Amino acid sequence: MKYLQKTTLNKLPLNKIGYICDINCSSNIKRRLLDLGLIKDSKIIPVLDSPLKNPRAYEIRGTIIAIRNEDASSILVYY
């Protein structure tokens, strides 16, 4: 699969499909994200911005989850 660009999850445009490449955060947060299904090559789509743009809602594995921008900035994605 060829990807055009690599960015952090918080900068991925709304409704653009991205694939998780790497998670670079503290071990506690990383464990929680892995438990939610954010593993390498998982498809993730930003679907909704909150009024203040933080947190942001993402669809992953058929579920909508909210991730703070602080945490999303440590998740690298291809799109």
N, C-alpha and C. Protein backbone atom coordinates (compact mmCIF):
# COMPACT_ATOMS: atom_id res chain seq x y z
N MET A 1 0.84 -1.17 0.00
CA MET A 1 0.00 0.00 0.00
C MET A 1 0.89 1.24 0.00
N LYS A 2 0.65 2.14 -0.93
CA LYS A 2 1.44 3.37 -1.01
C LYS A 2 0.71 4.51 -0.32
N TYR A 3 1.46 5.28 0.43
CA TYR A 3 0.90 6.43 1.12
C TYR A 3 1.54 7.69 0.57
N LEU A 4 0.79 8.75 0.56
CA LEU A 4 1.30 9.99 0.01
C LEU A 4 1.99 10.85 1.05
N GLN A 5 1.43 10.91 2.25
CA GLN A 5 1.98 11.81 3.26
C GLN A 5 1.99 11.16 4.63
N LYS A 6 2.87 11.67 5.49
CA LYS A 6 2.95 11.22 6.88
C LYS A 6 2.76 12.45 7.75
N THR A 7 1.92 12.35 8.76
CA THR A 7 1.65 13.47 9.65
C THR A 7 1.24 12.93 11.02
N THR A 8 0.96 13.83 11.95
CA THR A 8 0.43 13.41 13.25
C THR A 8 -1.09 13.35 13.16
N LEU A 9 -1.68 12.57 14.02
CA LEU A 9 -3.12 12.34 13.97
C LEU A 9 -3.92 13.62 14.16
N ASN A 10 -3.45 14.54 15.01
CA ASN A 10 -4.21 15.77 15.26
C ASN A 10 -4.23 16.68 14.03
N LYS A 11 -3.34 16.48 13.07
CA LYS A 11 -3.31 17.30 11.85
C LYS A 11 -3.98 16.63 10.66
N LEU A 12 -4.46 15.41 10.83
CA LEU A 12 -5.14 14.70 9.75
C LEU A 12 -6.46 15.40 9.46
N PRO A 13 -6.73 15.74 8.18
CA PRO A 13 -7.98 16.45 7.85
C PRO A 13 -9.22 15.61 8.18
N LEU A 14 -10.32 16.29 8.49
CA LEU A 14 -11.58 15.60 8.78
C LEU A 14 -11.98 14.70 7.62
N ASN A 15 -12.49 13.54 7.95
CA ASN A 15 -13.00 12.53 7.01
C ASN A 15 -11.95 11.99 6.05
N LYS A 16 -10.68 12.17 6.37
CA LYS A 16 -9.58 11.62 5.57
C LYS A 16 -9.11 10.34 6.25
N ILE A 17 -9.01 9.26 5.50
CA ILE A 17 -8.60 7.98 6.07
C ILE A 17 -7.09 7.99 6.29
N GLY A 18 -6.69 7.63 7.49
CA GLY A 18 -5.28 7.50 7.83
C GLY A 18 -5.01 6.12 8.40
N TYR A 19 -3.75 5.73 8.37
CA TYR A 19 -3.33 4.44 8.91
C TYR A 19 -2.22 4.69 9.92
N ILE A 20 -2.39 4.14 11.10
CA ILE A 20 -1.46 4.39 12.19
C ILE A 20 -0.09 3.79 11.87
N CYS A 21 0.93 4.60 12.07
CA CYS A 21 2.31 4.20 11.80
C CYS A 21 3.06 3.93 13.10
N ASP A 22 2.93 4.86 14.06
CA ASP A 22 3.69 4.75 15.30
C ASP A 22 3.03 5.58 16.39
N ILE A 23 3.23 5.17 17.64
CA ILE A 23 2.73 5.92 18.80
C ILE A 23 3.92 6.26 19.67
N ASN A 24 4.19 7.56 19.84
CA ASN A 24 5.35 8.03 20.61
C ASN A 24 4.90 8.83 21.82
N CYS A 25 4.43 8.15 22.85
CA CYS A 25 4.00 8.86 24.06
C CYS A 25 4.37 8.04 25.29
N SER A 26 3.99 8.53 26.45
CA SER A 26 4.33 7.83 27.69
C SER A 26 3.70 6.44 27.70
N SER A 27 4.30 5.56 28.46
CA SER A 27 3.85 4.16 28.46
C SER A 27 2.41 3.99 28.94
N ASN A 28 1.97 4.82 29.90
CA ASN A 28 0.59 4.71 30.39
C ASN A 28 -0.42 5.07 29.30
N ILE A 29 -0.18 6.17 28.60
CA ILE A 29 -1.08 6.60 27.54
C ILE A 29 -1.01 5.61 26.38
N LYS A 30 0.18 5.17 26.04
CA LYS A 30 0.35 4.23 24.93
C LYS A 30 -0.43 2.94 25.21
N ARG A 31 -0.38 2.45 26.44
CA ARG A 31 -1.11 1.23 26.80
C ARG A 31 -2.61 1.42 26.62
N ARG A 32 -3.12 2.57 27.03
CA ARG A 32 -4.56 2.85 26.88
C ARG A 32 -4.95 2.90 25.42
N LEU A 33 -4.12 3.55 24.60
CA LEU A 33 -4.41 3.66 23.17
C LEU A 33 -4.36 2.28 22.51
N LEU A 34 -3.39 1.47 22.88
CA LEU A 34 -3.32 0.11 22.34
C LEU A 34 -4.55 -0.70 22.74
N ASP A 35 -5.01 -0.54 23.98
CA ASP A 35 -6.20 -1.24 24.45
C ASP A 35 -7.45 -0.83 23.68
N LEU A 36 -7.46 0.42 23.19
CA LEU A 36 -8.60 0.90 22.40
C LEU A 36 -8.54 0.44 20.94
N GLY A 37 -7.44 -0.20 20.56
CA GLY A 37 -7.32 -0.72 19.20
C GLY A 37 -6.47 0.11 18.28
N LEU A 38 -5.77 1.08 18.81
CA LEU A 38 -4.89 1.91 17.98
C LEU A 38 -3.54 1.20 17.84
N ILE A 39 -3.50 0.25 16.93
CA ILE A 39 -2.27 -0.49 16.68
C ILE A 39 -1.79 -0.19 15.27
N LYS A 40 -0.56 -0.54 14.97
CA LYS A 40 0.06 -0.25 13.69
C LYS A 40 -0.82 -0.74 12.54
N ASP A 41 -0.96 0.09 11.52
CA ASP A 41 -1.73 -0.17 10.29
C ASP A 41 -3.24 -0.19 10.49
N SER A 42 -3.74 0.22 11.67
CA SER A 42 -5.19 0.35 11.87
C SER A 42 -5.69 1.58 11.13
N LYS A 43 -6.86 1.44 10.52
CA LYS A 43 -7.47 2.57 9.82
C LYS A 43 -8.14 3.47 10.85
N ILE A 44 -7.92 4.78 10.72
CA ILE A 44 -8.52 5.76 11.64
C ILE A 44 -8.97 6.97 10.84
N ILE A 45 -10.15 7.49 11.18
CA ILE A 45 -10.74 8.61 10.45
C ILE A 45 -11.21 9.67 11.44
N PRO A 46 -10.71 10.91 11.32
CA PRO A 46 -11.25 11.99 12.15
C PRO A 46 -12.65 12.36 11.65
N VAL A 47 -13.65 12.26 12.52
CA VAL A 47 -15.03 12.47 12.07
C VAL A 47 -15.69 13.72 12.64
N LEU A 48 -15.15 14.28 13.72
CA LEU A 48 -15.82 15.41 14.34
C LEU A 48 -14.85 16.23 15.18
N ASP A 49 -14.94 17.55 15.02
CA ASP A 49 -14.19 18.46 15.89
C ASP A 49 -15.14 18.98 16.95
N SER A 50 -14.66 19.07 18.18
CA SER A 50 -15.47 19.69 19.23
C SER A 50 -15.45 21.20 19.01
N PRO A 51 -16.34 21.94 19.66
CA PRO A 51 -16.39 23.39 19.45
C PRO A 51 -15.05 24.10 19.68
N LEU A 52 -14.26 23.63 20.63
CA LEU A 52 -12.95 24.25 20.89
C LEU A 52 -11.81 23.51 20.21
N LYS A 53 -12.14 22.55 19.34
CA LYS A 53 -11.16 21.75 18.59
C LYS A 53 -10.35 20.79 19.45
N ASN A 54 -10.73 20.62 20.70
CA ASN A 54 -10.03 19.70 21.59
C ASN A 54 -10.99 19.17 22.63
N PRO A 55 -11.28 17.89 22.70
CA PRO A 55 -10.73 16.79 21.92
C PRO A 55 -11.39 16.68 20.55
N ARG A 56 -10.94 15.70 19.82
CA ARG A 56 -11.45 15.43 18.48
C ARG A 56 -11.96 13.99 18.45
N ALA A 57 -13.02 13.72 17.70
CA ALA A 57 -13.59 12.38 17.63
C ALA A 57 -13.03 11.64 16.41
N TYR A 58 -12.68 10.37 16.61
CA TYR A 58 -12.11 9.53 15.56
C TYR A 58 -12.88 8.23 15.48
N GLU A 59 -13.03 7.73 14.26
CA GLU A 59 -13.63 6.41 14.09
C GLU A 59 -12.51 5.41 13.89
N ILE A 60 -12.53 4.36 14.72
CA ILE A 60 -11.55 3.29 14.60
C ILE A 60 -12.24 1.97 14.93
N ARG A 61 -12.12 1.04 14.03
CA ARG A 61 -12.71 -0.30 14.19
C ARG A 61 -14.21 -0.23 14.49
N GLY A 62 -14.92 0.68 13.82
CA GLY A 62 -16.36 0.78 13.96
C GLY A 62 -16.83 1.51 15.20
N THR A 63 -15.93 2.12 15.95
CA THR A 63 -16.26 2.82 17.18
C THR A 63 -15.75 4.25 17.11
N ILE A 64 -16.51 5.17 17.69
CA ILE A 64 -16.10 6.57 17.76
C ILE A 64 -15.48 6.81 19.13
N ILE A 65 -14.24 7.33 19.13
CA ILE A 65 -13.58 7.66 20.39
C ILE A 65 -13.05 9.09 20.33
N ALA A 66 -12.95 9.73 21.47
CA ALA A 66 -12.40 11.08 21.55
C ALA A 66 -10.98 10.98 22.06
N ILE A 67 -10.08 11.70 21.38
CA ILE A 67 -8.68 11.72 21.78
C ILE A 67 -8.25 13.18 21.89
N ARG A 68 -7.62 13.51 23.00
CA ARG A 68 -7.12 14.88 23.19
C ARG A 68 -6.03 15.18 22.17
N ASN A 69 -5.94 16.43 21.76
CA ASN A 69 -4.92 16.84 20.79
C ASN A 69 -3.51 16.56 21.30
N GLU A 70 -3.32 16.70 22.59
CA GLU A 70 -2.02 16.43 23.20
C GLU A 70 -1.58 14.99 22.92
N ASP A 71 -2.52 14.06 23.05
CA ASP A 71 -2.21 12.65 22.80
C ASP A 71 -2.17 12.35 21.30
N ALA A 72 -3.07 12.95 20.54
CA ALA A 72 -3.11 12.72 19.10
C ALA A 72 -1.85 13.23 18.41
N SER A 73 -1.21 14.23 18.98
CA SER A 73 0.01 14.77 18.37
C SER A 73 1.18 13.79 18.47
N SER A 74 1.06 12.77 19.29
CA SER A 74 2.14 11.78 19.43
C SER A 74 1.87 10.51 18.61
N ILE A 75 0.80 10.53 17.82
CA ILE A 75 0.45 9.37 16.98
C ILE A 75 0.75 9.73 15.52
N LEU A 76 1.64 9.00 14.90
CA LEU A 76 2.00 9.23 13.51
C LEU A 76 1.10 8.40 12.60
N VAL A 77 0.60 9.03 11.53
CA VAL A 77 -0.26 8.33 10.58
C VAL A 77 0.19 8.61 9.14
N TYR A 78 -0.11 7.66 8.27
CA TYR A 78 0.05 7.84 6.82
C TYR A 78 -1.32 8.06 6.25
N TYR A 79 -1.39 8.90 5.18
CA TYR A 79 -2.66 9.07 4.46
C TYR A 79 -2.41 9.38 3.01
